[in-house]
N, C-alpha and C. Protein backbone atom coordinates (compact mmCIF):
# COMPACT_ATOMS: atom_id res chain seq x y z
N MET A 1 49.70 -35.94 38.10
CA MET A 1 51.11 -36.09 38.35
C MET A 1 51.60 -34.90 39.14
N THR A 2 52.54 -35.09 39.92
CA THR A 2 53.15 -34.02 40.69
C THR A 2 54.59 -33.87 40.27
N ASP A 3 55.18 -32.73 40.65
CA ASP A 3 56.57 -32.49 40.30
C ASP A 3 57.52 -33.38 41.09
N THR A 4 57.06 -33.87 42.23
CA THR A 4 57.94 -34.71 43.05
C THR A 4 57.85 -36.17 42.67
N SER A 5 56.94 -36.49 41.78
CA SER A 5 56.78 -37.88 41.38
C SER A 5 57.91 -38.25 40.42
N LEU A 6 58.70 -39.23 40.77
CA LEU A 6 59.81 -39.69 39.96
C LEU A 6 59.55 -41.08 39.41
N ASP A 7 58.29 -41.45 39.33
CA ASP A 7 57.92 -42.75 38.81
C ASP A 7 57.87 -42.66 37.29
N PHE A 8 58.74 -43.39 36.59
CA PHE A 8 58.81 -43.35 35.15
C PHE A 8 58.20 -44.59 34.51
N SER A 9 57.27 -45.19 35.17
CA SER A 9 56.66 -46.39 34.61
C SER A 9 55.56 -45.99 33.63
N MET A 10 55.14 -46.92 32.79
CA MET A 10 54.08 -46.68 31.83
C MET A 10 52.73 -46.45 32.51
N ALA A 11 52.61 -46.83 33.77
CA ALA A 11 51.36 -46.61 34.48
C ALA A 11 51.11 -45.13 34.75
N SER A 12 52.17 -44.31 34.79
CA SER A 12 51.99 -42.89 35.08
C SER A 12 51.78 -42.05 33.82
N VAL A 13 51.82 -42.65 32.64
CA VAL A 13 51.60 -41.91 31.39
C VAL A 13 50.10 -41.72 31.20
N PRO A 14 49.67 -40.47 30.92
CA PRO A 14 48.23 -40.23 30.73
C PRO A 14 47.70 -40.95 29.49
N ASP A 15 46.41 -41.27 29.52
CA ASP A 15 45.79 -41.99 28.42
C ASP A 15 45.53 -41.09 27.21
N ASP A 16 45.20 -39.84 27.43
CA ASP A 16 44.93 -38.94 26.31
C ASP A 16 45.42 -37.53 26.64
N TRP A 17 45.25 -36.61 25.66
CA TRP A 17 45.77 -35.25 25.84
C TRP A 17 45.00 -34.48 26.89
N ARG A 18 43.73 -34.73 27.03
CA ARG A 18 42.93 -33.99 28.02
C ARG A 18 43.36 -34.30 29.44
N SER A 19 43.59 -35.55 29.71
CA SER A 19 44.05 -35.88 31.06
C SER A 19 45.47 -35.37 31.31
N ALA A 20 46.30 -35.31 30.25
CA ALA A 20 47.63 -34.74 30.40
C ALA A 20 47.54 -33.25 30.66
N ALA A 21 46.60 -32.57 29.99
CA ALA A 21 46.44 -31.14 30.20
C ALA A 21 45.89 -30.84 31.58
N GLU A 22 45.02 -31.70 32.10
CA GLU A 22 44.51 -31.51 33.46
C GLU A 22 45.59 -31.70 34.50
N ASP A 23 46.52 -32.60 34.25
CA ASP A 23 47.61 -32.83 35.19
C ASP A 23 48.72 -31.79 35.04
N GLY A 24 48.75 -31.07 33.92
CA GLY A 24 49.82 -30.11 33.66
C GLY A 24 49.57 -28.78 34.35
N PRO A 25 50.46 -27.84 34.13
CA PRO A 25 50.29 -26.52 34.75
C PRO A 25 49.08 -25.80 34.17
N GLU A 26 48.54 -24.86 34.93
CA GLU A 26 47.32 -24.17 34.52
C GLU A 26 47.56 -23.12 33.44
N GLN A 27 48.72 -22.49 33.42
CA GLN A 27 49.00 -21.46 32.43
C GLN A 27 49.38 -22.11 31.10
N ASP A 28 48.81 -21.59 30.03
CA ASP A 28 49.08 -22.14 28.71
C ASP A 28 50.17 -21.32 28.04
N PHE A 29 51.22 -21.97 27.62
CA PHE A 29 52.34 -21.29 26.98
C PHE A 29 52.37 -21.52 25.47
N SER A 30 51.29 -21.95 24.90
CA SER A 30 51.29 -22.23 23.47
C SER A 30 51.39 -20.93 22.68
N PRO A 31 52.16 -20.90 21.59
CA PRO A 31 52.33 -19.67 20.82
C PRO A 31 51.13 -19.31 19.96
N LEU A 32 50.21 -20.24 19.75
CA LEU A 32 49.09 -19.97 18.86
C LEU A 32 47.93 -19.28 19.55
N GLN A 33 47.87 -19.35 20.86
CA GLN A 33 46.77 -18.73 21.58
C GLN A 33 47.25 -17.44 22.21
N ASN A 34 46.52 -16.37 21.97
CA ASN A 34 46.87 -15.08 22.53
C ASN A 34 45.96 -14.83 23.71
N SER A 35 46.54 -14.59 24.86
CA SER A 35 45.74 -14.40 26.07
C SER A 35 45.15 -13.00 26.15
N GLY A 36 45.57 -12.09 25.27
CA GLY A 36 45.07 -10.73 25.31
C GLY A 36 45.92 -9.82 26.19
N LYS A 37 46.76 -10.39 27.02
CA LYS A 37 47.60 -9.59 27.90
C LYS A 37 48.83 -9.06 27.17
N ARG A 38 49.33 -9.81 26.24
CA ARG A 38 50.51 -9.39 25.50
C ARG A 38 50.29 -9.70 24.03
N LYS A 39 51.00 -8.94 23.20
CA LYS A 39 50.88 -9.14 21.77
C LYS A 39 51.76 -10.30 21.34
N LEU A 40 51.25 -11.04 20.39
CA LEU A 40 52.01 -12.13 19.82
C LEU A 40 52.97 -11.55 18.78
N ARG A 41 54.27 -11.71 19.00
CA ARG A 41 55.27 -11.15 18.10
C ARG A 41 55.71 -12.21 17.11
N ILE A 42 55.29 -12.08 15.88
CA ILE A 42 55.70 -13.01 14.84
C ILE A 42 57.10 -12.64 14.35
N ALA A 43 57.30 -11.37 14.04
CA ALA A 43 58.60 -10.88 13.59
C ALA A 43 59.08 -9.83 14.59
N PRO A 44 60.37 -9.73 14.80
CA PRO A 44 60.85 -8.73 15.75
C PRO A 44 60.55 -7.32 15.24
N ALA A 45 60.11 -6.48 16.13
CA ALA A 45 59.81 -5.10 15.77
C ALA A 45 60.28 -4.21 16.89
N ALA A 46 60.85 -3.10 16.53
CA ALA A 46 61.30 -2.13 17.51
C ALA A 46 60.60 -0.81 17.22
N GLU A 47 60.71 0.11 18.13
CA GLU A 47 60.09 1.41 17.95
C GLU A 47 60.96 2.34 17.13
N LYS A 48 62.25 2.06 17.03
CA LYS A 48 63.16 2.91 16.28
C LYS A 48 63.53 2.23 14.97
N VAL A 49 63.96 3.04 14.03
CA VAL A 49 64.38 2.52 12.73
C VAL A 49 65.71 1.81 12.88
N ASP A 50 65.81 0.64 12.33
CA ASP A 50 67.07 -0.10 12.32
C ASP A 50 67.80 0.28 11.04
N LEU A 51 68.74 1.21 11.16
CA LEU A 51 69.41 1.73 9.98
C LEU A 51 70.32 0.72 9.31
N VAL A 52 70.87 -0.20 10.08
CA VAL A 52 71.79 -1.18 9.49
C VAL A 52 71.04 -2.11 8.54
N THR A 53 69.97 -2.73 9.02
CA THR A 53 69.24 -3.66 8.16
C THR A 53 68.50 -2.91 7.05
N GLY A 54 68.03 -1.70 7.33
CA GLY A 54 67.39 -0.91 6.29
C GLY A 54 68.36 -0.54 5.18
N THR A 55 69.58 -0.19 5.57
CA THR A 55 70.61 0.15 4.58
C THR A 55 71.02 -1.07 3.77
N ILE A 56 71.21 -2.19 4.44
CA ILE A 56 71.58 -3.42 3.73
C ILE A 56 70.48 -3.83 2.76
N ALA A 57 69.23 -3.75 3.20
CA ALA A 57 68.12 -4.09 2.31
C ALA A 57 68.05 -3.13 1.13
N ALA A 58 68.26 -1.84 1.39
CA ALA A 58 68.20 -0.86 0.30
C ALA A 58 69.34 -1.06 -0.69
N ILE A 59 70.54 -1.32 -0.20
CA ILE A 59 71.67 -1.55 -1.10
C ILE A 59 71.45 -2.81 -1.91
N SER A 60 70.92 -3.85 -1.28
CA SER A 60 70.65 -5.09 -2.01
C SER A 60 69.61 -4.87 -3.10
N MET A 61 68.54 -4.17 -2.78
CA MET A 61 67.50 -3.91 -3.78
C MET A 61 68.01 -2.98 -4.87
N THR A 62 68.85 -2.02 -4.51
CA THR A 62 69.44 -1.14 -5.51
C THR A 62 70.31 -1.94 -6.47
N PHE A 63 71.07 -2.87 -5.95
CA PHE A 63 71.92 -3.70 -6.80
C PHE A 63 71.06 -4.53 -7.76
N VAL A 64 70.01 -5.13 -7.25
CA VAL A 64 69.13 -5.95 -8.10
C VAL A 64 68.47 -5.07 -9.17
N ALA A 65 67.95 -3.91 -8.77
CA ALA A 65 67.31 -3.02 -9.74
C ALA A 65 68.32 -2.49 -10.75
N ALA A 66 69.55 -2.21 -10.31
CA ALA A 66 70.57 -1.69 -11.21
C ALA A 66 70.99 -2.75 -12.23
N VAL A 67 71.14 -3.98 -11.79
CA VAL A 67 71.50 -5.05 -12.73
C VAL A 67 70.38 -5.26 -13.74
N LEU A 68 69.15 -5.23 -13.29
CA LEU A 68 68.01 -5.38 -14.20
C LEU A 68 67.94 -4.22 -15.19
N TRP A 69 68.12 -3.01 -14.70
CA TRP A 69 68.10 -1.83 -15.57
C TRP A 69 69.24 -1.88 -16.58
N PHE A 70 70.44 -2.23 -16.13
CA PHE A 70 71.59 -2.34 -17.02
C PHE A 70 71.32 -3.38 -18.10
N ALA A 71 70.79 -4.53 -17.70
CA ALA A 71 70.51 -5.59 -18.67
C ALA A 71 69.46 -5.17 -19.68
N LEU A 72 68.40 -4.51 -19.23
CA LEU A 72 67.35 -4.08 -20.15
C LEU A 72 67.83 -3.00 -21.11
N GLU A 73 68.60 -2.07 -20.59
CA GLU A 73 69.02 -0.96 -21.45
C GLU A 73 70.16 -1.34 -22.39
N THR A 74 71.10 -2.14 -21.94
CA THR A 74 72.21 -2.49 -22.83
C THR A 74 71.81 -3.51 -23.89
N ARG A 75 70.78 -4.27 -23.64
CA ARG A 75 70.30 -5.23 -24.64
C ARG A 75 69.33 -4.57 -25.62
N GLY A 76 68.91 -3.35 -25.32
CA GLY A 76 68.02 -2.62 -26.21
C GLY A 76 66.56 -2.95 -26.01
N HIS A 77 66.21 -3.67 -24.96
CA HIS A 77 64.80 -4.02 -24.74
C HIS A 77 64.00 -2.80 -24.31
N ILE A 78 64.49 -2.11 -23.28
CA ILE A 78 63.83 -0.90 -22.80
C ILE A 78 64.92 0.15 -22.59
N VAL A 79 64.87 1.20 -23.37
CA VAL A 79 65.81 2.30 -23.21
C VAL A 79 64.99 3.50 -22.77
N SER A 80 64.87 3.66 -21.46
CA SER A 80 64.03 4.71 -20.92
C SER A 80 64.59 5.19 -19.59
N PRO A 81 64.60 6.49 -19.38
CA PRO A 81 65.03 6.99 -18.08
C PRO A 81 63.97 6.76 -17.00
N TRP A 82 62.77 6.40 -17.40
CA TRP A 82 61.68 6.23 -16.45
C TRP A 82 61.82 4.95 -15.62
N LEU A 83 62.80 4.13 -15.94
CA LEU A 83 63.09 2.99 -15.07
C LEU A 83 63.56 3.45 -13.70
N ALA A 84 64.00 4.69 -13.61
CA ALA A 84 64.43 5.26 -12.33
C ALA A 84 63.27 5.35 -11.34
N VAL A 85 62.06 5.53 -11.84
CA VAL A 85 60.90 5.62 -10.95
C VAL A 85 60.67 4.27 -10.25
N GLY A 86 60.75 3.21 -11.01
CA GLY A 86 60.61 1.88 -10.41
C GLY A 86 61.73 1.58 -9.42
N MET A 87 62.93 2.01 -9.74
CA MET A 87 64.06 1.82 -8.84
C MET A 87 63.82 2.57 -7.53
N GLY A 88 63.31 3.79 -7.61
CA GLY A 88 63.01 4.56 -6.40
C GLY A 88 61.97 3.87 -5.52
N ALA A 89 60.92 3.33 -6.14
CA ALA A 89 59.88 2.64 -5.38
C ALA A 89 60.43 1.36 -4.73
N LEU A 90 61.22 0.61 -5.48
CA LEU A 90 61.77 -0.63 -4.93
C LEU A 90 62.72 -0.37 -3.78
N VAL A 91 63.53 0.67 -3.88
CA VAL A 91 64.46 0.99 -2.80
C VAL A 91 63.68 1.42 -1.55
N ALA A 92 62.63 2.20 -1.71
CA ALA A 92 61.83 2.63 -0.55
C ALA A 92 61.14 1.45 0.12
N VAL A 93 60.63 0.52 -0.67
CA VAL A 93 60.01 -0.68 -0.09
C VAL A 93 61.06 -1.53 0.62
N ALA A 94 62.25 -1.61 0.07
CA ALA A 94 63.31 -2.39 0.71
C ALA A 94 63.73 -1.76 2.03
N VAL A 95 63.78 -0.43 2.09
CA VAL A 95 64.11 0.23 3.36
C VAL A 95 63.02 -0.07 4.38
N ARG A 96 61.77 -0.06 3.96
CA ARG A 96 60.67 -0.35 4.89
C ARG A 96 60.71 -1.79 5.37
N LEU A 97 61.00 -2.72 4.48
CA LEU A 97 61.06 -4.12 4.88
C LEU A 97 62.29 -4.41 5.73
N GLY A 98 63.38 -3.71 5.48
CA GLY A 98 64.59 -3.91 6.27
C GLY A 98 64.55 -3.19 7.59
N GLY A 99 63.84 -2.08 7.67
CA GLY A 99 63.74 -1.31 8.89
C GLY A 99 62.46 -1.64 9.63
N THR A 100 61.93 -0.65 10.31
CA THR A 100 60.67 -0.83 11.03
C THR A 100 59.65 0.18 10.53
N ARG A 101 58.49 0.18 11.14
CA ARG A 101 57.41 1.04 10.70
C ARG A 101 57.55 2.48 11.17
N ALA A 102 58.29 2.70 12.24
CA ALA A 102 58.36 4.02 12.83
C ALA A 102 59.27 4.95 12.02
N ASN A 103 59.09 6.26 12.21
CA ASN A 103 59.95 7.31 11.70
C ASN A 103 60.10 7.29 10.17
N PRO A 104 59.07 7.71 9.45
CA PRO A 104 59.15 7.70 7.99
C PRO A 104 60.14 8.73 7.44
N GLU A 105 60.47 9.78 8.21
CA GLU A 105 61.43 10.77 7.72
C GLU A 105 62.80 10.15 7.52
N VAL A 106 63.23 9.34 8.48
CA VAL A 106 64.54 8.70 8.37
C VAL A 106 64.54 7.68 7.25
N ARG A 107 63.45 6.93 7.13
CA ARG A 107 63.35 5.95 6.04
C ARG A 107 63.37 6.63 4.67
N ALA A 108 62.66 7.75 4.55
CA ALA A 108 62.63 8.48 3.28
C ALA A 108 64.02 9.03 2.95
N THR A 109 64.70 9.56 3.94
CA THR A 109 66.05 10.08 3.71
C THR A 109 67.00 8.98 3.28
N LEU A 110 66.95 7.85 3.98
CA LEU A 110 67.82 6.72 3.62
C LEU A 110 67.50 6.21 2.22
N ALA A 111 66.21 6.11 1.89
CA ALA A 111 65.82 5.63 0.57
C ALA A 111 66.30 6.56 -0.53
N VAL A 112 66.19 7.87 -0.32
CA VAL A 112 66.62 8.83 -1.34
C VAL A 112 68.13 8.80 -1.52
N ILE A 113 68.87 8.71 -0.42
CA ILE A 113 70.34 8.68 -0.51
C ILE A 113 70.80 7.44 -1.27
N VAL A 114 70.29 6.28 -0.90
CA VAL A 114 70.70 5.04 -1.56
C VAL A 114 70.22 5.03 -3.01
N TYR A 115 69.04 5.56 -3.26
CA TYR A 115 68.51 5.64 -4.62
C TYR A 115 69.41 6.49 -5.52
N LEU A 116 69.78 7.68 -5.04
CA LEU A 116 70.60 8.56 -5.87
C LEU A 116 71.99 7.98 -6.14
N ILE A 117 72.59 7.39 -5.12
CA ILE A 117 73.90 6.77 -5.33
C ILE A 117 73.78 5.60 -6.31
N GLY A 118 72.78 4.76 -6.12
CA GLY A 118 72.57 3.64 -7.04
C GLY A 118 72.25 4.10 -8.44
N LEU A 119 71.48 5.18 -8.57
CA LEU A 119 71.14 5.73 -9.88
C LEU A 119 72.39 6.20 -10.61
N LEU A 120 73.22 6.95 -9.93
CA LEU A 120 74.43 7.47 -10.57
C LEU A 120 75.40 6.35 -10.96
N ILE A 121 75.53 5.35 -10.10
CA ILE A 121 76.42 4.23 -10.43
C ILE A 121 75.87 3.44 -11.62
N THR A 122 74.57 3.23 -11.64
CA THR A 122 73.96 2.50 -12.76
C THR A 122 74.15 3.23 -14.08
N ILE A 123 73.87 4.52 -14.08
CA ILE A 123 74.03 5.31 -15.29
C ILE A 123 75.49 5.38 -15.72
N PHE A 124 76.40 5.43 -14.76
CA PHE A 124 77.82 5.42 -15.09
C PHE A 124 78.18 4.16 -15.87
N PHE A 125 77.73 3.01 -15.40
CA PHE A 125 78.06 1.76 -16.09
C PHE A 125 77.35 1.64 -17.44
N ILE A 126 76.14 2.15 -17.54
CA ILE A 126 75.45 2.13 -18.83
C ILE A 126 76.18 3.01 -19.84
N GLU A 127 76.56 4.20 -19.42
CA GLU A 127 77.29 5.10 -20.32
C GLU A 127 78.66 4.53 -20.70
N ARG A 128 79.32 3.88 -19.77
CA ARG A 128 80.61 3.26 -20.05
C ARG A 128 80.44 2.14 -21.08
N PHE A 129 79.39 1.34 -20.94
CA PHE A 129 79.11 0.27 -21.89
C PHE A 129 78.83 0.85 -23.28
N ASP A 130 78.02 1.92 -23.34
CA ASP A 130 77.74 2.55 -24.62
C ASP A 130 79.01 3.13 -25.26
N TYR A 131 79.89 3.68 -24.46
CA TYR A 131 81.14 4.24 -24.98
C TYR A 131 82.02 3.14 -25.58
N ILE A 132 82.09 2.01 -24.89
CA ILE A 132 82.88 0.88 -25.40
C ILE A 132 82.29 0.38 -26.72
N LEU A 133 80.96 0.32 -26.83
CA LEU A 133 80.34 -0.10 -28.10
C LEU A 133 80.61 0.90 -29.22
N THR A 134 80.63 2.16 -28.89
CA THR A 134 80.81 3.18 -29.92
C THR A 134 82.26 3.29 -30.38
N TYR A 135 83.18 3.37 -29.44
CA TYR A 135 84.57 3.66 -29.78
C TYR A 135 85.49 2.43 -29.74
N GLY A 136 85.05 1.35 -29.15
CA GLY A 136 85.84 0.12 -29.13
C GLY A 136 86.86 0.02 -28.02
N PHE A 137 86.94 1.00 -27.16
CA PHE A 137 87.87 0.93 -26.02
C PHE A 137 87.22 1.59 -24.81
N ALA A 138 87.75 1.25 -23.65
CA ALA A 138 87.19 1.78 -22.41
C ALA A 138 87.58 3.24 -22.24
N PRO A 139 86.66 4.08 -21.84
CA PRO A 139 86.97 5.49 -21.69
C PRO A 139 87.70 5.78 -20.38
N ASP A 140 88.43 6.88 -20.37
CA ASP A 140 88.98 7.33 -19.09
C ASP A 140 87.88 8.08 -18.36
N PHE A 141 88.19 8.56 -17.18
CA PHE A 141 87.15 9.18 -16.36
C PHE A 141 86.62 10.46 -16.99
N ASP A 142 87.48 11.26 -17.59
CA ASP A 142 87.03 12.51 -18.21
C ASP A 142 86.08 12.27 -19.38
N ALA A 143 86.39 11.27 -20.19
CA ALA A 143 85.51 10.95 -21.32
C ALA A 143 84.16 10.43 -20.83
N THR A 144 84.19 9.60 -19.80
CA THR A 144 82.94 9.08 -19.23
C THR A 144 82.12 10.20 -18.63
N GLU A 145 82.79 11.12 -17.96
CA GLU A 145 82.08 12.25 -17.37
C GLU A 145 81.46 13.12 -18.46
N GLY A 146 82.19 13.36 -19.54
CA GLY A 146 81.65 14.16 -20.64
C GLY A 146 80.44 13.53 -21.28
N VAL A 147 80.50 12.23 -21.53
CA VAL A 147 79.36 11.52 -22.11
C VAL A 147 78.20 11.49 -21.13
N PHE A 148 78.50 11.29 -19.89
CA PHE A 148 77.49 11.24 -18.83
C PHE A 148 76.71 12.55 -18.78
N VAL A 149 77.43 13.65 -18.76
CA VAL A 149 76.77 14.95 -18.70
C VAL A 149 76.04 15.25 -20.01
N ARG A 150 76.67 14.97 -21.15
CA ARG A 150 76.07 15.27 -22.45
C ARG A 150 74.79 14.46 -22.69
N ASP A 151 74.84 13.16 -22.37
CA ASP A 151 73.70 12.30 -22.69
C ASP A 151 72.60 12.31 -21.63
N ARG A 152 72.96 12.53 -20.40
CA ARG A 152 71.96 12.37 -19.34
C ARG A 152 71.52 13.68 -18.70
N PHE A 153 72.46 14.50 -18.27
CA PHE A 153 72.09 15.69 -17.51
C PHE A 153 71.51 16.81 -18.36
N THR A 154 71.72 16.79 -19.64
CA THR A 154 71.16 17.84 -20.50
C THR A 154 69.81 17.45 -21.09
N ASP A 155 69.35 16.24 -20.85
CA ASP A 155 68.06 15.78 -21.36
C ASP A 155 66.98 16.06 -20.31
N PRO A 156 66.03 16.94 -20.59
CA PRO A 156 65.01 17.27 -19.60
C PRO A 156 64.16 16.08 -19.17
N GLN A 157 63.89 15.18 -20.09
CA GLN A 157 63.08 14.01 -19.74
C GLN A 157 63.81 13.12 -18.75
N THR A 158 65.11 12.97 -18.92
CA THR A 158 65.90 12.15 -18.01
C THR A 158 65.94 12.77 -16.62
N VAL A 159 66.18 14.07 -16.57
CA VAL A 159 66.22 14.75 -15.28
C VAL A 159 64.85 14.69 -14.60
N ALA A 160 63.78 14.82 -15.37
CA ALA A 160 62.43 14.72 -14.81
C ALA A 160 62.15 13.32 -14.28
N ALA A 161 62.63 12.31 -14.99
CA ALA A 161 62.43 10.93 -14.53
C ALA A 161 63.19 10.67 -13.24
N TRP A 162 64.40 11.17 -13.15
CA TRP A 162 65.19 10.99 -11.92
C TRP A 162 64.54 11.72 -10.75
N ALA A 163 64.04 12.94 -11.00
CA ALA A 163 63.35 13.69 -9.95
C ALA A 163 62.07 12.97 -9.52
N MET A 164 61.37 12.41 -10.49
CA MET A 164 60.17 11.64 -10.16
C MET A 164 60.52 10.41 -9.34
N GLY A 165 61.67 9.81 -9.59
CA GLY A 165 62.14 8.69 -8.78
C GLY A 165 62.36 9.09 -7.34
N VAL A 166 62.88 10.30 -7.12
CA VAL A 166 63.06 10.80 -5.76
C VAL A 166 61.70 11.00 -5.10
N VAL A 167 60.77 11.60 -5.82
CA VAL A 167 59.43 11.84 -5.27
C VAL A 167 58.75 10.51 -4.93
N VAL A 168 58.86 9.54 -5.81
CA VAL A 168 58.25 8.23 -5.57
C VAL A 168 58.90 7.55 -4.36
N ALA A 169 60.20 7.64 -4.23
CA ALA A 169 60.88 7.04 -3.07
C ALA A 169 60.40 7.66 -1.77
N VAL A 170 60.23 8.98 -1.76
CA VAL A 170 59.74 9.66 -0.55
C VAL A 170 58.29 9.28 -0.28
N GLN A 171 57.45 9.30 -1.31
CA GLN A 171 56.04 8.97 -1.12
C GLN A 171 55.83 7.54 -0.64
N VAL A 172 56.56 6.60 -1.22
CA VAL A 172 56.44 5.20 -0.80
C VAL A 172 56.93 5.05 0.63
N SER A 173 57.96 5.78 1.02
CA SER A 173 58.44 5.73 2.40
C SER A 173 57.38 6.20 3.38
N TYR A 174 56.63 7.23 3.01
CA TYR A 174 55.58 7.72 3.90
C TYR A 174 54.32 6.86 3.83
N LEU A 175 54.04 6.27 2.69
CA LEU A 175 52.82 5.46 2.57
C LEU A 175 52.93 4.12 3.26
N THR A 176 54.14 3.65 3.50
CA THR A 176 54.31 2.34 4.15
C THR A 176 54.52 2.48 5.65
N ARG A 177 53.94 3.51 6.24
CA ARG A 177 54.09 3.70 7.68
C ARG A 177 53.05 2.90 8.43
N LYS A 178 53.22 2.85 9.74
CA LYS A 178 52.29 2.11 10.60
C LYS A 178 50.96 2.83 10.65
N ARG A 179 49.90 2.06 10.51
CA ARG A 179 48.56 2.66 10.54
C ARG A 179 47.82 2.22 11.77
């Protein structure tokens, strides 16, 4: 067939795929075959870190981890500060999945910032819930701050767990780099 042929009759339809391929253009544009000249891009990738999608992914994962942590701790299933380590790892993986492979320093910084903010917000709500259970009314900010500092910041195991969460977030950010 030629490009100038405007005959639309059934006589011009090829009998099988091989004869259609012989009549077609020589260059193959199929996405499944890689010619070796260019890389097949399955997912978009850039050389720079995409901070917007990395931040959105990190905030989303922080929210999921915070809700899970709040549910586990307020129901009494797991009352441990070491849940912060898992939260740090999940946030770092979310930054990697939301961003790109390049520049692990920026990914580690973003993961640590979102992790610490999410950690403090989560602990704030857990302490507020515990205060309501203990005293029967919602605390004001000063009372919440006092309980927060008394119960969390003075406990060496809690501070060690939070610091370990920062270390894990940084390490996971560096371990998920392009190889």
